[in-house]
Amino acid sequence: MAEHKHGSMDISVQEKTFDGFITFTIRSLIVIFALCVFLAVFAS
């Protein structure tokens, strides 16, 4: 079994994926919030 050294793995791909997920989540929440405001103002 190979020796594992903590912190030696290249995680640049995982960091890019996480950053993309966070960006997508924030943008989605902004769109959902704007849609809720739009519906609250104009739908009745």
C-alpha atoms as a PDB file:
ATOM      1  CA  MET A   1       0.000   0.000   0.000  1.00  0.00           C
ATOM      2  CA  ALA A   2       1.323   3.431  -0.945  1.00  0.00           C
ATOM      3  CA  GLU A   3       2.240   5.984   1.656  1.00  0.00           C
ATOM      4  CA  HIS A   4      -0.183   8.899   1.835  1.00  0.00           C
ATOM      5  CA  LYS A   5       1.185  12.335   2.603  1.00  0.00           C
ATOM      6  CA  HIS A   6      -1.473  14.742   3.804  1.00  0.00           C
ATOM      7  CA  GLY A   7      -1.775  17.821   1.576  1.00  0.00           C
ATOM      8  CA  SER A   8       0.202  16.430  -1.355  1.00  0.00           C
ATOM      9  CA  MET A   9      -2.722  15.824  -3.738  1.00  0.00           C
ATOM     10  CA  ASP A  10      -3.407  18.287  -6.566  1.00  0.00           C
ATOM     11  CA  ILE A  11      -6.916  19.590  -5.897  1.00  0.00           C
ATOM     12  CA  SER A  12      -7.083  22.348  -8.513  1.00  0.00           C
ATOM     13  CA  VAL A  13      -9.853  20.554 -10.451  1.00  0.00           C
ATOM     14  CA  GLN A  14     -11.920  20.084  -7.296  1.00  0.00           C
ATOM     15  CA  GLU A  15     -11.439  23.761  -6.383  1.00  0.00           C
ATOM     16  CA  LYS A  16     -12.623  24.869  -9.846  1.00  0.00           C
ATOM     17  CA  THR A  17     -15.651  22.579  -9.559  1.00  0.00           C
ATOM     18  CA  PHE A  18     -16.492  23.934  -6.105  1.00  0.00           C
ATOM     19  CA  ASP A  19     -16.094  27.541  -7.282  1.00  0.00           C
ATOM     20  CA  GLY A  20     -18.394  26.812 -10.224  1.00  0.00           C
ATOM     21  CA  PHE A  21     -20.968  25.239  -7.924  1.00  0.00           C
ATOM     22  CA  ILE A  22     -20.910  28.229  -5.563  1.00  0.00           C
ATOM     23  CA  THR A  23     -21.225  30.672  -8.486  1.00  0.00           C
ATOM     24  CA  PHE A  24     -24.139  28.686  -9.932  1.00  0.00           C
ATOM     25  CA  THR A  25     -25.863  28.545  -6.537  1.00  0.00           C
ATOM     26  CA  ILE A  26     -25.515  32.284  -5.911  1.00  0.00           C
ATOM     27  CA  ARG A  27     -26.788  33.175  -9.387  1.00  0.00           C
ATOM     28  CA  SER A  28     -29.702  30.754  -9.019  1.00  0.00           C
ATOM     29  CA  LEU A  29     -30.674  32.271  -5.678  1.00  0.00           C
ATOM     30  CA  ILE A  30     -30.577  35.765  -7.169  1.00  0.00           C
ATOM     31  CA  VAL A  31     -32.845  34.677 -10.038  1.00  0.00           C
ATOM     32  CA  ILE A  32     -35.258  32.929  -7.659  1.00  0.00           C
ATOM     33  CA  PHE A  33     -35.363  35.978  -5.377  1.00  0.00           C
ATOM     34  CA  ALA A  34     -35.979  38.307  -8.337  1.00  0.00           C
ATOM     35  CA  LEU A  35     -38.739  36.015  -9.602  1.00  0.00           C
ATOM     36  CA  CYS A  36     -40.402  36.001  -6.160  1.00  0.00           C
ATOM     37  CA  VAL A  37     -40.252  39.799  -5.991  1.00  0.00           C
ATOM     38  CA  PHE A  38     -41.656  40.056  -9.519  1.00  0.00           C
ATOM     39  CA  LEU A  39     -44.528  37.709  -8.678  1.00  0.00           C
ATOM     40  CA  ALA A  40     -45.240  39.525  -5.415  1.00  0.00           C
ATOM     41  CA  VAL A  41     -45.448  42.877  -7.192  1.00  0.00           C
ATOM     42  CA  PHE A  42     -47.257  41.981 -10.409  1.00  0.00           C
ATOM     43  CA  ALA A  43     -49.239  38.784  -9.766  1.00  0.00           C
ATOM     44  CA  SER A  44     -52.644  39.221  -8.232  1.00  0.00           C
END
